[in-house]
Amino acid sequence: MIVSVIIVTTGEAEHIISCLDSLKAQAFSPLEVVVIDNSLRPSFRKEIVVRFPWVKVYSSPNNFSYGISMNMGISMSKGDFILCLNDDVVLDRYFIQEALNGFSVDAKIAMVSGKICRIETKTIDSAGLFLSLSRVAKERGYGLKDTGQYGKPGYIFGVSGAAAFYHKQMMEDIKQGTDCFDPDFRFFYEDLDIAWRARNRGWKAYYVPTAIAYHARGGTARKKQGVGKVFARFYINDDDLQFELIKNRCLAIIKNDTALGFLLHLPFIFIYSLAELGFLVLFRPKVIPKLLSLPRFMKSAFRKRFAAERI
C-alpha cells in the first residue's frame, strides 16, 4: 500500500520546507511525494531537489491554478491513497498512520480528515468540513480554542482541502473527464465540490482526531498580517481571489445540490449572498464588474451536472 502526497506550491520556502520535513519524519512508509512547483523560479526547484532528493518535483511553465496543479500531481501519482496537502501545513509524525485507520471503519469511507490546528497548536483550524445552511463550506471548530471538544471520531460531510486524504478509487469514480478537481474552481471551495460530488455517489467522510496537523491558515493566499485570522475576506486583497470565493460557491451549488435542497435553503442562500454583495460594495468594489463573467461558468457547471447525472 502506497500513499501519494501531492503538494502545490508557489515557492514560499519557509512553508514548503517545514511541510516536507514533517513528511520525512512520518512513521508510515512508503510515501510518494509529488511537488507541483508554480514558483517559476528554477533556483527554487533546485533547492527542493538538493534538500529533499526523495521528492518528485515538477516545475510547471505557468503558475497554474490549484485545481489544475492538483490534477497534474494526481495523474503522476501511483498511490492507493492520495493526500492533497497545502504547502503551509505541518504534519504530526503519526498523521498518515492514524488517518489511514479511518478508511477501514467502513468500506464506503473514501475521505478522511484529521484534527487540523493552527500553527500555534492551541486553536482549531478544522475538525471536518460541513455544509452550512447558506451552502457555504464550514470548517467545524474553526477559530475555537482546542479544549478537546473534538476528541471523538465520527462521520463528517467532507474534508478540509488543507490536508485532504482521499481513496484513489473514489477519485477515479468522481472524475469529470480526466479531471478529479474541477479546473473551473481555480482556488477555494474545491474541497467542498469534491466532498459533495463524492457523497452524491454514495461515498462517506470520516474524522480521526488522533491524526493531527498544523496549518498556517492563509499562509499562501493572504498577507502576513492576515495569517490565521478569522475574517479571511478582509485580508485577501487580490480581486481575482475575492471573485473565486463568490463564483465557486455558486458553481458548487449548481453542480451538486438537489432541487429540493436548494429550495429549502434558498432564504439562507439569499441572505448570505446579499451580505456578500454588501461586502463587495463597501470594501472590494472592483470585484463587482467581474461578476458579469459568472453566466459563462454557470453554463459549464450545468453541463457537468447533467453529465454526472447520466453516469
Protein backbone atom coordinates (compact mmCIF):
# COMPACT_ATOMS: atom_id res chain seq x y z
CA MET A 1 0.00 0.00 0.00
CA ILE A 2 1.40 3.35 -1.10
CA VAL A 3 0.30 6.81 -0.02
CA SER A 4 0.88 9.59 -2.55
CA VAL A 5 1.21 13.10 -1.17
CA ILE A 6 0.53 15.92 -3.63
CA ILE A 7 1.67 19.44 -2.71
CA VAL A 8 1.14 22.55 -4.81
CA THR A 9 3.46 25.45 -4.02
CA THR A 10 4.14 28.95 -5.31
CA GLY A 11 7.56 28.97 -3.70
CA GLU A 12 7.07 30.16 -0.11
CA ALA A 13 10.25 28.46 1.11
CA GLU A 14 9.53 28.81 4.83
CA HIS A 15 6.31 26.84 4.41
CA ILE A 16 7.25 24.11 1.94
CA ILE A 17 10.47 23.20 3.76
CA SER A 18 8.64 22.72 7.07
CA CYS A 19 5.96 20.72 5.28
CA LEU A 20 8.46 18.38 3.61
CA ASP A 21 10.44 17.99 6.84
CA SER A 22 7.26 16.74 8.52
CA LEU A 23 6.69 14.23 5.69
CA LYS A 24 10.24 12.97 6.01
CA ALA A 25 9.57 12.28 9.69
CA GLN A 26 6.34 10.30 9.12
CA ALA A 27 6.08 6.95 10.89
CA PHE A 28 4.29 5.46 7.88
CA SER A 29 6.02 4.33 4.71
CA PRO A 30 6.20 4.04 1.76
CA LEU A 31 5.35 7.58 0.76
CA GLU A 32 5.41 9.03 -2.71
CA VAL A 33 5.71 12.81 -2.53
CA VAL A 34 4.96 14.92 -5.61
CA VAL A 35 5.50 18.69 -5.54
CA ILE A 36 3.96 20.83 -8.26
CA ASP A 37 6.18 23.91 -8.32
CA ASN A 38 4.39 27.01 -9.60
CA SER A 39 7.09 29.41 -8.42
CA LEU A 40 8.51 29.93 -11.93
CA ARG A 41 11.95 30.10 -10.27
CA PRO A 42 14.50 27.44 -11.34
CA SER A 43 16.51 28.18 -8.19
CA PHE A 44 13.58 27.18 -6.01
CA ARG A 45 13.25 23.80 -7.69
CA LYS A 46 16.98 23.19 -7.31
CA GLU A 47 16.80 23.98 -3.59
CA ILE A 48 14.00 21.45 -3.07
CA VAL A 49 15.69 18.71 -5.12
CA VAL A 50 19.01 19.13 -3.30
CA ARG A 51 17.46 19.23 0.16
CA PHE A 52 14.81 16.54 -0.45
CA PRO A 53 16.15 14.17 -3.15
CA TRP A 54 13.32 11.67 -2.49
CA VAL A 55 10.68 14.21 -3.61
CA LYS A 56 9.42 14.28 -7.20
CA VAL A 57 9.32 17.92 -8.30
CA TYR A 58 7.50 19.09 -11.40
CA SER A 59 8.16 22.72 -12.27
CA SER A 60 5.26 23.97 -14.34
CA PRO A 61 5.93 26.53 -17.11
CA ASN A 62 3.00 28.61 -15.87
CA ASN A 63 1.55 29.48 -12.49
CA PHE A 64 -1.38 27.09 -12.86
CA SER A 65 -4.41 27.21 -10.60
CA TYR A 66 -4.62 24.95 -7.56
CA GLY A 67 -7.16 22.60 -9.15
CA ILE A 68 -5.22 22.15 -12.40
CA SER A 69 -1.99 21.64 -10.46
CA MET A 70 -3.59 19.01 -8.24
CA ASN A 71 -4.89 17.16 -11.29
CA MET A 72 -1.35 17.12 -12.68
CA GLY A 73 0.02 15.71 -9.45
CA ILE A 74 -2.68 13.06 -9.15
CA SER A 75 -2.09 11.93 -12.75
CA MET A 76 1.60 11.36 -11.86
CA SER A 77 0.86 9.52 -8.62
CA LYS A 78 0.87 5.77 -8.03
CA GLY A 79 -0.63 5.54 -4.56
CA ASP A 80 -3.75 3.72 -3.36
CA PHE A 81 -4.48 6.76 -1.20
CA ILE A 82 -3.89 10.41 -2.04
CA LEU A 83 -3.13 13.12 0.50
CA CYS A 84 -3.69 16.56 -1.05
CA LEU A 85 -1.64 18.84 1.16
CA ASN A 86 -1.26 22.60 1.33
CA ASP A 87 2.35 23.71 1.49
CA ASP A 88 1.63 25.69 4.70
CA VAL A 89 0.71 22.52 6.65
CA VAL A 90 2.98 20.61 9.03
CA LEU A 91 2.01 17.05 9.94
CA ASP A 92 2.42 15.30 13.26
CA ARG A 93 4.72 12.28 12.95
CA TYR A 94 1.77 9.86 13.13
CA PHE A 95 -0.70 11.80 10.98
CA ILE A 96 -0.72 9.46 7.98
CA GLN A 97 -0.58 6.29 10.07
CA GLU A 98 -3.56 7.38 12.19
CA ALA A 99 -5.57 8.82 9.29
CA LEU A 100 -5.32 5.57 7.33
CA ASN A 101 -7.18 3.82 10.15
CA GLY A 102 -10.24 5.90 9.29
CA PHE A 103 -10.59 4.27 5.88
CA SER A 104 -11.01 0.84 7.49
CA VAL A 105 -14.07 1.82 9.57
CA ASP A 106 -16.46 1.48 6.62
CA ALA A 107 -15.94 0.27 3.05
CA LYS A 108 -17.63 3.43 1.74
CA ILE A 109 -15.33 5.83 3.59
CA ALA A 110 -13.17 7.47 0.94
CA MET A 111 -12.36 10.81 2.61
CA VAL A 112 -10.57 11.19 5.95
CA SER A 113 -9.83 14.32 7.96
CA GLY A 114 -7.55 14.64 10.93
CA LYS A 115 -7.70 17.32 13.60
CA ILE A 116 -6.12 20.33 11.94
CA CYS A 117 -4.93 23.01 14.35
CA ARG A 118 -3.42 26.42 13.77
CA ILE A 119 0.33 26.59 13.64
CA GLU A 120 0.46 27.86 17.25
CA THR A 121 -1.18 24.48 18.24
CA LYS A 122 -3.86 25.86 20.60
CA THR A 123 -6.59 26.78 18.12
CA ILE A 124 -8.71 24.53 15.90
CA ASP A 125 -8.49 25.16 12.17
CA SER A 126 -10.72 22.28 11.04
CA ALA A 127 -12.24 19.20 12.64
CA GLY A 128 -14.04 18.26 9.46
CA LEU A 129 -15.80 20.05 6.63
CA PHE A 130 -19.54 20.64 6.73
CA LEU A 131 -22.13 22.30 4.51
CA SER A 132 -23.85 25.32 6.09
CA LEU A 133 -27.49 26.34 5.62
CA SER A 134 -26.33 29.04 3.21
CA ARG A 135 -24.36 26.45 1.22
CA VAL A 136 -21.01 27.74 2.42
CA ALA A 137 -18.12 25.41 3.24
CA LYS A 138 -17.91 25.41 7.04
CA GLU A 139 -14.89 24.13 8.93
CA ARG A 140 -16.04 22.59 12.21
CA GLY A 141 -14.37 24.24 15.18
CA TYR A 142 -12.82 26.97 13.04
CA GLY A 143 -11.04 29.53 15.24
CA LEU A 144 -12.06 27.91 18.54
CA LYS A 145 -9.65 27.13 21.35
CA ASP A 146 -8.79 23.42 21.39
CA THR A 147 -10.17 22.09 24.67
CA GLY A 148 -10.58 18.51 23.48
CA GLN A 149 -14.16 19.09 22.35
CA TYR A 150 -13.45 17.29 19.07
CA GLY A 151 -11.79 14.27 20.60
CA LYS A 152 -14.19 11.64 19.25
CA PRO A 153 -14.02 10.12 15.77
CA GLY A 154 -17.10 10.17 13.58
CA TYR A 155 -18.72 10.82 10.24
CA ILE A 156 -18.46 14.28 8.68
CA PHE A 157 -19.61 15.87 5.42
CA GLY A 158 -16.16 16.21 3.85
CA VAL A 159 -12.52 17.02 4.47
CA SER A 160 -10.67 20.32 4.52
CA GLY A 161 -8.51 20.99 1.48
CA ALA A 162 -5.59 21.90 3.76
CA ALA A 163 -4.93 18.21 4.41
CA ALA A 164 -7.44 16.21 2.38
CA PHE A 165 -6.97 12.43 2.43
CA TYR A 166 -8.76 10.57 -0.38
CA HIS A 167 -9.08 7.00 -1.58
CA LYS A 168 -7.83 6.74 -5.17
CA GLN A 169 -10.84 4.61 -6.10
CA MET A 170 -13.22 7.41 -5.12
CA MET A 171 -11.22 9.99 -7.05
CA GLU A 172 -11.47 7.83 -10.16
CA ASP A 173 -15.21 7.39 -9.59
CA ILE A 174 -15.99 11.13 -9.45
CA LYS A 175 -13.77 12.17 -12.34
CA GLN A 176 -15.15 14.69 -14.82
CA GLY A 177 -13.46 13.54 -17.99
CA THR A 178 -9.81 13.33 -16.93
CA ASP A 179 -10.16 15.78 -14.03
CA CYS A 180 -10.58 14.91 -10.34
CA PHE A 181 -10.51 18.58 -9.32
CA ASP A 182 -12.81 20.81 -11.34
CA PRO A 183 -10.45 23.22 -13.21
CA ASP A 184 -13.15 25.94 -13.05
CA PHE A 185 -12.50 26.05 -9.29
CA ARG A 186 -9.19 27.86 -9.54
CA PHE A 187 -8.92 28.46 -5.77
CA PHE A 188 -11.34 27.87 -2.85
CA TYR A 189 -14.32 25.53 -2.48
CA GLU A 190 -12.64 22.74 -4.44
CA ASP A 191 -12.72 20.62 -1.27
CA LEU A 192 -16.47 21.19 -0.85
CA ASP A 193 -17.11 20.35 -4.50
CA ILE A 194 -15.20 17.06 -4.26
CA ALA A 195 -16.91 16.12 -0.99
CA TRP A 196 -20.36 16.92 -2.37
CA ARG A 197 -19.73 15.02 -5.62
CA ALA A 198 -18.44 12.03 -3.68
CA ARG A 199 -21.41 11.98 -1.31
CA ASN A 200 -23.80 12.15 -4.26
CA ARG A 201 -22.20 8.93 -5.48
CA GLY A 202 -22.51 7.18 -2.12
CA TRP A 203 -19.06 7.78 -0.61
CA LYS A 204 -18.55 8.87 3.01
CA ALA A 205 -16.14 11.03 5.01
CA TYR A 206 -14.70 10.32 8.46
CA TYR A 207 -12.91 12.32 11.15
CA VAL A 208 -9.93 10.86 13.05
CA PRO A 209 -8.89 13.13 15.95
CA THR A 210 -5.61 11.31 16.57
CA ALA A 211 -4.35 12.35 13.12
CA ILE A 212 -3.04 15.82 13.91
CA ALA A 213 -1.77 18.54 11.57
CA TYR A 214 -0.92 22.21 11.93
CA HIS A 215 -1.98 24.81 9.38
CA ALA A 216 -0.72 28.36 8.88
CA ARG A 217 -4.18 29.35 7.60
CA GLY A 218 -3.82 31.75 4.68
CA GLY A 219 -0.06 31.38 4.55
CA THR A 220 -0.07 31.34 0.75
CA ALA A 221 -3.19 33.41 -0.01
CA ARG A 222 -3.10 36.33 2.41
CA LYS A 223 -0.68 38.99 3.52
CA LYS A 224 1.31 38.04 6.60
CA GLN A 225 -0.83 40.14 8.94
CA GLY A 226 -3.83 38.04 7.91
CA VAL A 227 -2.37 34.59 8.53
CA GLY A 228 -4.55 32.70 10.98
CA LYS A 229 -7.12 35.48 11.30
CA VAL A 230 -10.81 34.54 11.42
CA PHE A 231 -12.30 37.04 8.94
CA ALA A 232 -10.31 35.83 5.96
CA ARG A 233 -12.00 38.00 3.36
CA PHE A 234 -10.67 41.23 4.88
CA TYR A 235 -7.10 40.02 4.36
CA ILE A 236 -7.47 38.88 0.74
CA ASN A 237 -6.68 41.94 -1.36
CA ASP A 238 -6.49 40.06 -4.65
CA ASP A 239 -9.69 40.85 -6.56
CA ASP A 240 -9.45 37.61 -8.53
CA LEU A 241 -9.42 35.58 -5.32
CA GLN A 242 -12.42 37.50 -3.99
CA PHE A 243 -14.24 36.64 -7.20
CA GLU A 244 -13.25 32.98 -6.84
CA LEU A 245 -14.97 32.82 -3.44
CA ILE A 246 -18.25 34.01 -4.93
CA LYS A 247 -18.05 32.05 -8.19
CA ASN A 248 -17.09 28.73 -6.66
CA ARG A 249 -19.85 28.70 -4.06
CA CYS A 250 -22.31 29.29 -6.90
CA LEU A 251 -20.79 26.52 -9.02
CA ALA A 252 -20.77 24.04 -6.12
CA ILE A 253 -24.50 24.60 -5.59
CA ILE A 254 -25.34 24.25 -9.29
CA LYS A 255 -23.32 21.07 -9.71
CA ASN A 256 -24.29 19.25 -6.55
CA ASP A 257 -27.41 20.46 -4.75
CA THR A 258 -30.81 18.84 -5.23
CA ALA A 259 -33.76 20.94 -6.36
CA LEU A 260 -35.48 20.35 -3.01
CA GLY A 261 -32.32 21.14 -1.06
CA PHE A 262 -31.85 24.37 -2.95
CA LEU A 263 -35.45 25.50 -2.38
CA LEU A 264 -35.37 24.66 1.34
CA HIS A 265 -32.16 26.63 1.82
CA LEU A 266 -32.94 29.47 -0.58
CA PRO A 267 -33.66 32.05 2.18
CA PHE A 268 -30.26 31.36 3.78
CA ILE A 269 -28.53 31.38 0.38
CA PHE A 270 -30.16 34.72 -0.46
CA ILE A 271 -29.26 36.38 2.85
CA TYR A 272 -25.64 35.26 2.63
CA SER A 273 -25.39 36.40 -0.99
CA LEU A 274 -26.84 39.78 -0.10
CA ALA A 275 -24.30 40.22 2.70
CA GLU A 276 -21.56 39.15 0.29
CA LEU A 277 -22.64 41.79 -2.21
CA GLY A 278 -22.67 44.40 0.53
CA PHE A 279 -19.11 43.50 1.45
CA LEU A 280 -18.04 43.99 -2.16
CA VAL A 281 -19.76 47.36 -2.43
CA LEU A 282 -18.13 48.63 0.75
CA PHE A 283 -14.68 47.06 0.60
CA ARG A 284 -13.97 45.47 -2.81
CA PRO A 285 -15.95 47.41 -5.46
CA LYS A 286 -13.51 46.44 -8.22
CA VAL A 287 -14.72 42.84 -7.96
CA ILE A 288 -18.30 43.71 -8.99
CA PRO A 289 -17.60 44.01 -12.76
CA LYS A 290 -16.02 40.55 -12.66
CA LEU A 291 -19.41 39.10 -11.71
CA LEU A 292 -20.51 39.65 -15.32
CA SER A 293 -18.49 36.55 -16.25
CA LEU A 294 -20.48 34.33 -13.88
CA PRO A 295 -23.02 33.11 -16.50
CA ARG A 296 -20.22 31.54 -18.55
CA PHE A 297 -19.04 29.48 -15.56
CA MET A 298 -22.61 28.65 -14.57
CA LYS A 299 -23.29 27.23 -18.01
CA SER A 300 -20.25 24.98 -17.68
CA ALA A 301 -21.41 23.87 -14.20
CA PHE A 302 -24.83 22.86 -15.53
CA ARG A 303 -23.18 20.78 -18.26
CA LYS A 304 -21.06 18.96 -15.69
CA ARG A 305 -24.11 18.35 -13.50
CA PHE A 306 -26.07 16.79 -16.37
CA ALA A 307 -23.06 14.69 -17.37
CA ALA A 308 -22.73 13.38 -13.79
CA GLU A 309 -26.43 12.51 -13.66
CA ARG A 310 -26.09 10.38 -16.79
CA ILE A 311 -23.38 8.19 -15.25
